[in-house]
C-alpha atoms as a PDB file:
ATOM      1  CA  MET A   1       0.000   0.000   0.000  1.00  0.00           C
ATOM      2  CA  SER A   2       2.756   2.511   0.830  1.00  0.00           C
ATOM      3  CA  GLY A   3       4.358   1.842  -2.594  1.00  0.00           C
ATOM      4  CA  LEU A   4       1.090   2.832  -4.260  1.00  0.00           C
ATOM      5  CA  ILE A   5       0.865   6.018  -2.197  1.00  0.00           C
ATOM      6  CA  ARG A   6       4.448   6.953  -3.134  1.00  0.00           C
ATOM      7  CA  ARG A   7       3.659   6.441  -6.826  1.00  0.00           C
ATOM      8  CA  VAL A   8       0.510   8.540  -6.578  1.00  0.00           C
ATOM      9  CA  LEU A   9       2.426  11.301  -4.798  1.00  0.00           C
ATOM     10  CA  ARG A  10       5.137  11.182  -7.505  1.00  0.00           C
ATOM     11  CA  ILE A  11       2.436  11.469 -10.179  1.00  0.00           C
ATOM     12  CA  PHE A  12       0.919  14.486  -8.409  1.00  0.00           C
ATOM     13  CA  ALA A  13       4.361  16.092  -8.138  1.00  0.00           C
ATOM     14  CA  TYR A  14       4.971  15.399 -11.836  1.00  0.00           C
ATOM     15  CA  VAL A  15       1.631  16.971 -12.828  1.00  0.00           C
ATOM     16  CA  ARG A  16       2.361  20.006 -10.625  1.00  0.00           C
ATOM     17  CA  ASP A  17       5.780  20.354 -12.331  1.00  0.00           C
ATOM     18  CA  LEU A  18       4.158  20.128 -15.779  1.00  0.00           C
ATOM     19  CA  GLU A  19       1.607  22.804 -14.850  1.00  0.00           C
ATOM     20  CA  GLN A  20       4.402  25.035 -13.565  1.00  0.00           C
ATOM     21  CA  ARG A  21       6.313  24.656 -16.823  1.00  0.00           C
ATOM     22  CA  ALA A  22       3.195  25.130 -18.946  1.00  0.00           C
ATOM     23  CA  PHE A  23       1.877  28.214 -17.157  1.00  0.00           C
ATOM     24  CA  TYR A  24       4.999  30.070 -16.015  1.00  0.00           C
ATOM     25  CA  ASP A  25       8.044  31.419 -17.805  1.00  0.00           C
ATOM     26  CA  THR A  26      11.076  29.483 -16.578  1.00  0.00           C
ATOM     27  CA  LEU A  27      13.386  32.521 -16.609  1.00  0.00           C
ATOM     28  CA  THR A  28      11.216  35.161 -14.939  1.00  0.00           C
ATOM     29  CA  GLY A  29       8.572  33.158 -13.090  1.00  0.00           C
ATOM     30  CA  LEU A  30       5.856  35.312 -14.671  1.00  0.00           C
ATOM     31  CA  LEU A  31       2.879  33.896 -16.505  1.00  0.00           C
ATOM     32  CA  GLN A  32       3.617  32.639 -20.004  1.00  0.00           C
ATOM     33  CA  ARG A  33       1.772  34.233 -22.905  1.00  0.00           C
ATOM     34  CA  GLY A  34      -0.844  31.491 -23.289  1.00  0.00           C
ATOM     35  CA  ARG A  35      -1.786  31.357 -19.612  1.00  0.00           C
ATOM     36  CA  PHE A  36      -1.714  35.154 -19.381  1.00  0.00           C
ATOM     37  CA  PHE A  37      -4.161  35.377 -22.292  1.00  0.00           C
ATOM     38  CA  GLU A  38      -6.509  32.851 -20.622  1.00  0.00           C
ATOM     39  CA  LEU A  39      -6.553  34.847 -17.380  1.00  0.00           C
ATOM     40  CA  PHE A  40      -6.915  38.103 -19.337  1.00  0.00           C
ATOM     41  CA  LYS A  41     -10.014  36.769 -21.121  1.00  0.00           C
ATOM     42  CA  ASP A  42     -11.393  35.478 -17.822  1.00  0.00           C
ATOM     43  CA  ARG A  43     -10.922  38.884 -16.144  1.00  0.00           C
ATOM     44  CA  LEU A  44     -12.461  40.551 -19.217  1.00  0.00           C
ATOM     45  CA  ALA A  45     -15.569  38.369 -18.899  1.00  0.00           C
ATOM     46  CA  LYS A  46     -15.981  39.133 -15.182  1.00  0.00           C
ATOM     47  CA  THR A  47     -15.037  42.826 -14.946  1.00  0.00           C
ATOM     48  CA  ASP A  48     -16.366  45.922 -16.700  1.00  0.00           C
ATOM     49  CA  ALA A  49     -13.331  48.196 -16.541  1.00  0.00           C
ATOM     50  CA  ILE A  50     -10.150  46.559 -17.832  1.00  0.00           C
ATOM     51  CA  ALA A  51      -6.853  48.022 -18.954  1.00  0.00           C
ATOM     52  CA  LEU A  52      -4.055  46.252 -20.794  1.00  0.00           C
ATOM     53  CA  VAL A  53      -0.545  47.691 -20.524  1.00  0.00           C
ATOM     54  CA  TYR A  54       1.903  46.335 -23.109  1.00  0.00           C
ATOM     55  CA  ILE A  55       5.569  46.873 -22.219  1.00  0.00           C
ATOM     56  CA  ASP A  56       8.759  46.586 -24.285  1.00  0.00           C
ATOM     57  CA  LEU A  57      12.160  47.219 -22.710  1.00  0.00           C
ATOM     58  CA  ASN A  58      14.137  49.985 -24.410  1.00  0.00           C
ATOM     59  CA  GLY A  59      17.689  49.201 -25.439  1.00  0.00           C
ATOM     60  CA  PHE A  60      17.563  45.584 -24.314  1.00  0.00           C
ATOM     61  CA  LYS A  61      19.398  44.278 -27.384  1.00  0.00           C
ATOM     62  CA  SER A  62      22.306  46.594 -26.619  1.00  0.00           C
ATOM     63  CA  ILE A  63      22.458  45.221 -23.050  1.00  0.00           C
ATOM     64  CA  ASN A  64      22.748  41.678 -24.445  1.00  0.00           C
ATOM     65  CA  ASP A  65      25.325  42.799 -27.030  1.00  0.00           C
ATOM     66  CA  ARG A  66      27.424  44.806 -24.576  1.00  0.00           C
ATOM     67  CA  TYR A  67      27.294  42.684 -21.423  1.00  0.00           C
ATOM     68  CA  GLY A  68      26.250  39.235 -22.665  1.00  0.00           C
ATOM     69  CA  HIS A  69      23.116  37.134 -22.419  1.00  0.00           C
ATOM     70  CA  ALA A  70      23.680  36.170 -18.769  1.00  0.00           C
ATOM     71  CA  VAL A  71      23.420  39.852 -17.811  1.00  0.00           C
ATOM     72  CA  GLY A  72      20.443  40.250 -20.166  1.00  0.00           C
ATOM     73  CA  ASP A  73      18.737  37.377 -18.359  1.00  0.00           C
ATOM     74  CA  LYS A  74      19.491  39.048 -15.028  1.00  0.00           C
ATOM     75  CA  VAL A  75      17.893  42.275 -16.297  1.00  0.00           C
ATOM     76  CA  LEU A  76      14.771  40.370 -17.398  1.00  0.00           C
ATOM     77  CA  LYS A  77      14.509  38.600 -14.026  1.00  0.00           C
ATOM     78  CA  ILE A  78      14.899  41.826 -12.069  1.00  0.00           C
ATOM     79  CA  PHE A  79      12.435  43.693 -14.283  1.00  0.00           C
ATOM     80  CA  ALA A  80       9.921  40.844 -13.900  1.00  0.00           C
ATOM     81  CA  CYS A  81      10.311  40.862 -10.129  1.00  0.00           C
ATOM     82  CA  HIS A  82       9.806  44.645  -9.949  1.00  0.00           C
ATOM     83  CA  ALA A  83       6.841  44.562 -12.368  1.00  0.00           C
ATOM     84  CA  ASN A  84       5.170  41.755 -10.450  1.00  0.00           C
ATOM     85  CA  ALA A  85       5.635  43.579  -7.140  1.00  0.00           C
ATOM     86  CA  PHE A  86       4.617  46.998  -8.497  1.00  0.00           C
ATOM     87  CA  PHE A  87       1.547  45.966 -10.530  1.00  0.00           C
ATOM     88  CA  GLY A  88       0.700  42.919  -8.439  1.00  0.00           C
ATOM     89  CA  GLU A  89      -0.026  45.098  -5.422  1.00  0.00           C
ATOM     90  CA  LYS A  90      -2.696  46.753  -7.584  1.00  0.00           C
ATOM     91  CA  LYS A  91      -4.149  43.274  -8.260  1.00  0.00           C
ATOM     92  CA  GLY A  92      -2.675  43.222 -11.740  1.00  0.00           C
ATOM     93  CA  ILE A  93      -1.925  40.130 -13.769  1.00  0.00           C
ATOM     94  CA  VAL A  94       1.633  40.286 -15.123  1.00  0.00           C
ATOM     95  CA  GLY A  95       2.997  38.083 -17.895  1.00  0.00           C
ATOM     96  CA  ARG A  96       5.971  37.734 -20.198  1.00  0.00           C
ATOM     97  CA  MET A  97       4.882  37.773 -23.798  1.00  0.00           C
ATOM     98  CA  GLY A  98       8.304  36.763 -25.085  1.00  0.00           C
ATOM     99  CA  GLY A  99      11.789  38.227 -25.341  1.00  0.00           C
ATOM    100  CA  ASP A 100      11.730  41.616 -23.634  1.00  0.00           C
ATOM    101  CA  GLU A 101       7.969  42.167 -23.944  1.00  0.00           C
ATOM    102  CA  PHE A 102       5.586  42.028 -21.013  1.00  0.00           C
ATOM    103  CA  ALA A 103       1.903  42.709 -20.426  1.00  0.00           C
ATOM    104  CA  VAL A 104      -0.176  43.724 -17.429  1.00  0.00           C
ATOM    105  CA  VAL A 105      -3.946  43.514 -16.982  1.00  0.00           C
ATOM    106  CA  LEU A 106      -5.491  45.872 -14.453  1.00  0.00           C
ATOM    107  CA  SER A 107      -9.098  46.204 -13.306  1.00  0.00           C
ATOM    108  CA  ASP A 108      -9.011  49.948 -13.815  1.00  0.00           C
ATOM    109  CA  ASN A 109      -9.247  51.844 -17.061  1.00  0.00           C
ATOM    110  CA  ARG A 110      -8.875  55.502 -16.164  1.00  0.00           C
ATOM    111  CA  GLU A 111      -6.404  56.664 -18.811  1.00  0.00           C
ATOM    112  CA  GLN A 112      -4.689  59.372 -16.776  1.00  0.00           C
ATOM    113  CA  GLY A 113      -4.364  57.181 -13.714  1.00  0.00           C
ATOM    114  CA  LEU A 114      -2.783  54.429 -15.824  1.00  0.00           C
ATOM    115  CA  SER A 115      -0.356  56.828 -17.496  1.00  0.00           C
ATOM    116  CA  ASP A 116       0.617  58.169 -14.075  1.00  0.00           C
ATOM    117  CA  MET A 117       1.080  54.628 -12.776  1.00  0.00           C
ATOM    118  CA  CYS A 118       3.411  53.766 -15.681  1.00  0.00           C
ATOM    119  CA  ALA A 119       5.363  56.982 -15.064  1.00  0.00           C
ATOM    120  CA  ARG A 120       5.726  56.018 -11.383  1.00  0.00           C
ATOM    121  CA  PHE A 121       6.998  52.599 -12.447  1.00  0.00           C
ATOM    122  CA  VAL A 122       9.620  54.260 -14.697  1.00  0.00           C
ATOM    123  CA  GLU A 123      10.733  56.337 -11.678  1.00  0.00           C
ATOM    124  CA  PHE A 124      10.689  53.229  -9.481  1.00  0.00           C
ATOM    125  CA  LEU A 125      13.036  51.443 -11.917  1.00  0.00           C
ATOM    126  CA  ALA A 126      15.283  54.500 -12.350  1.00  0.00           C
ATOM    127  CA  ALA A 127      15.873  54.509  -8.600  1.00  0.00           C
ATOM    128  CA  ARG A 128      16.968  50.857  -8.737  1.00  0.00           C
ATOM    129  CA  PRO A 129      19.765  50.449 -11.297  1.00  0.00           C
ATOM    130  CA  ILE A 130      21.361  47.032 -11.677  1.00  0.00           C
ATOM    131  CA  ALA A 131      24.990  46.917 -10.565  1.00  0.00           C
ATOM    132  CA  HIS A 132      27.353  45.103 -12.915  1.00  0.00           C
ATOM    133  CA  LYS A 133      31.153  45.305 -12.733  1.00  0.00           C
ATOM    134  CA  ASN A 134      31.327  48.837 -11.317  1.00  0.00           C
ATOM    135  CA  ARG A 135      28.636  50.057 -13.712  1.00  0.00           C
ATOM    136  CA  HIS A 136      24.940  50.666 -13.411  1.00  0.00           C
ATOM    137  CA  ILE A 137      22.427  49.335 -15.907  1.00  0.00           C
ATOM    138  CA  PHE A 138      19.173  51.285 -15.950  1.00  0.00           C
ATOM    139  CA  ILE A 139      15.986  49.611 -17.115  1.00  0.00           C
ATOM    140  CA  ASP A 140      13.743  51.756 -19.277  1.00  0.00           C
ATOM    141  CA  PHE A 141      10.658  50.764 -21.232  1.00  0.00           C
ATOM    142  CA  SER A 142       8.010  51.911 -23.628  1.00  0.00           C
ATOM    143  CA  CYS A 143       4.407  51.026 -22.959  1.00  0.00           C
ATOM    144  CA  GLY A 144       1.059  51.204 -24.654  1.00  0.00           C
ATOM    145  CA  ILE A 145      -2.260  51.242 -22.845  1.00  0.00           C
ATOM    146  CA  ALA A 146      -5.570  49.925 -24.144  1.00  0.00           C
ATOM    147  CA  THR A 147      -8.829  50.114 -22.214  1.00  0.00           C
ATOM    148  CA  THR A 148     -12.245  48.569 -22.605  1.00  0.00           C
ATOM    149  CA  THR A 149     -13.768  52.055 -22.447  1.00  0.00           C
ATOM    150  CA  ARG A 150     -11.812  53.316 -25.464  1.00  0.00           C
ATOM    151  CA  ASP A 151     -10.967  50.127 -27.368  1.00  0.00           C
ATOM    152  CA  GLY A 152     -13.844  47.725 -26.778  1.00  0.00           C
ATOM    153  CA  ARG A 153     -13.926  44.278 -25.219  1.00  0.00           C
ATOM    154  CA  ASP A 154     -12.351  42.082 -27.890  1.00  0.00           C
ATOM    155  CA  PRO A 155      -9.129  40.621 -26.414  1.00  0.00           C
ATOM    156  CA  ASP A 156      -7.265  40.620 -29.743  1.00  0.00           C
ATOM    157  CA  ALA A 157      -8.282  44.226 -30.461  1.00  0.00           C
ATOM    158  CA  LEU A 158      -7.115  45.303 -26.993  1.00  0.00           C
ATOM    159  CA  PHE A 159      -3.741  43.620 -27.532  1.00  0.00           C
ATOM    160  CA  ALA A 160      -3.410  45.213 -30.978  1.00  0.00           C
ATOM    161  CA  ALA A 161      -4.290  48.688 -29.649  1.00  0.00           C
ATOM    162  CA  ALA A 162      -1.861  48.440 -26.704  1.00  0.00           C
ATOM    163  CA  ASP A 163       0.892  47.084 -28.968  1.00  0.00           C
ATOM    164  CA  GLU A 164       0.374  49.882 -31.516  1.00  0.00           C
ATOM    165  CA  ARG A 165       0.510  52.572 -28.812  1.00  0.00           C
ATOM    166  CA  MET A 166       3.644  51.015 -27.334  1.00  0.00           C
ATOM    167  CA  PHE A 167       5.381  51.150 -30.726  1.00  0.00           C
ATOM    168  CA  LYS A 168       4.278  54.773 -31.199  1.00  0.00           C
ATOM    169  CA  GLN A 169       5.933  55.642 -27.893  1.00  0.00           C
ATOM    170  CA  LYS A 170       9.065  53.699 -28.892  1.00  0.00           C
ATOM    171  CA  ARG A 171       9.264  55.587 -32.230  1.00  0.00           C
ATOM    172  CA  ARG A 172       8.794  58.903 -30.406  1.00  0.00           C
ATOM    173  CA  ILE A 173      11.664  58.059 -28.047  1.00  0.00           C
ATOM    174  CA  ARG A 174      13.944  57.101 -30.964  1.00  0.00           C
ATOM    175  CA  HIS A 175      13.003  60.289 -32.808  1.00  0.00           C
ATOM    176  CA  ASP A 176      13.743  62.408 -29.714  1.00  0.00           C
ATOM    177  CA  VAL A 177      17.132  60.717 -29.275  1.00  0.00           C
ATOM    178  CA  ARG A 178      18.065  61.358 -32.928  1.00  0.00           C
ATOM    179  CA  ARG A 179      17.108  65.049 -32.616  1.00  0.00           C
ATOM    180  CA  ARG A 180      19.550  65.610 -29.730  1.00  0.00           C
END
């Protein structure tokens, strides 16, 4: 009988490990894209006011090129930890969409409040540079915000709107840098 119990417990542990790998990004511990999208659609079905914040790290490729992929991975892990703490306290769902792109779902869609929140997160990150070999690496990002009030309730349309706004901000930043 105890052999059977041990096998059943091993099976449960194996299933729990599979769920962990299926639902969570192995590098950052955040939700993977597929699981994030499921929870996003679930929140969308249950809540009237939803906002989607789509985030792309600025200059991440140059971090990988300059310092190596191990440091790039460290940056992603630290960013994920900060994003999860910062947005998670506001009951947000945070996920890694792939590479250096992340998304957050919040049950609030007041545009100005969301813009202010993203600005506070930029300041939060600026105050916490990553130390590497007597240098500091600062994490910066561009983000786009889509809301059910402005963009409707279709999950794909919300993602597309947030992604488009994020790229507009990224282009604006690049343009401003070139003008200097």
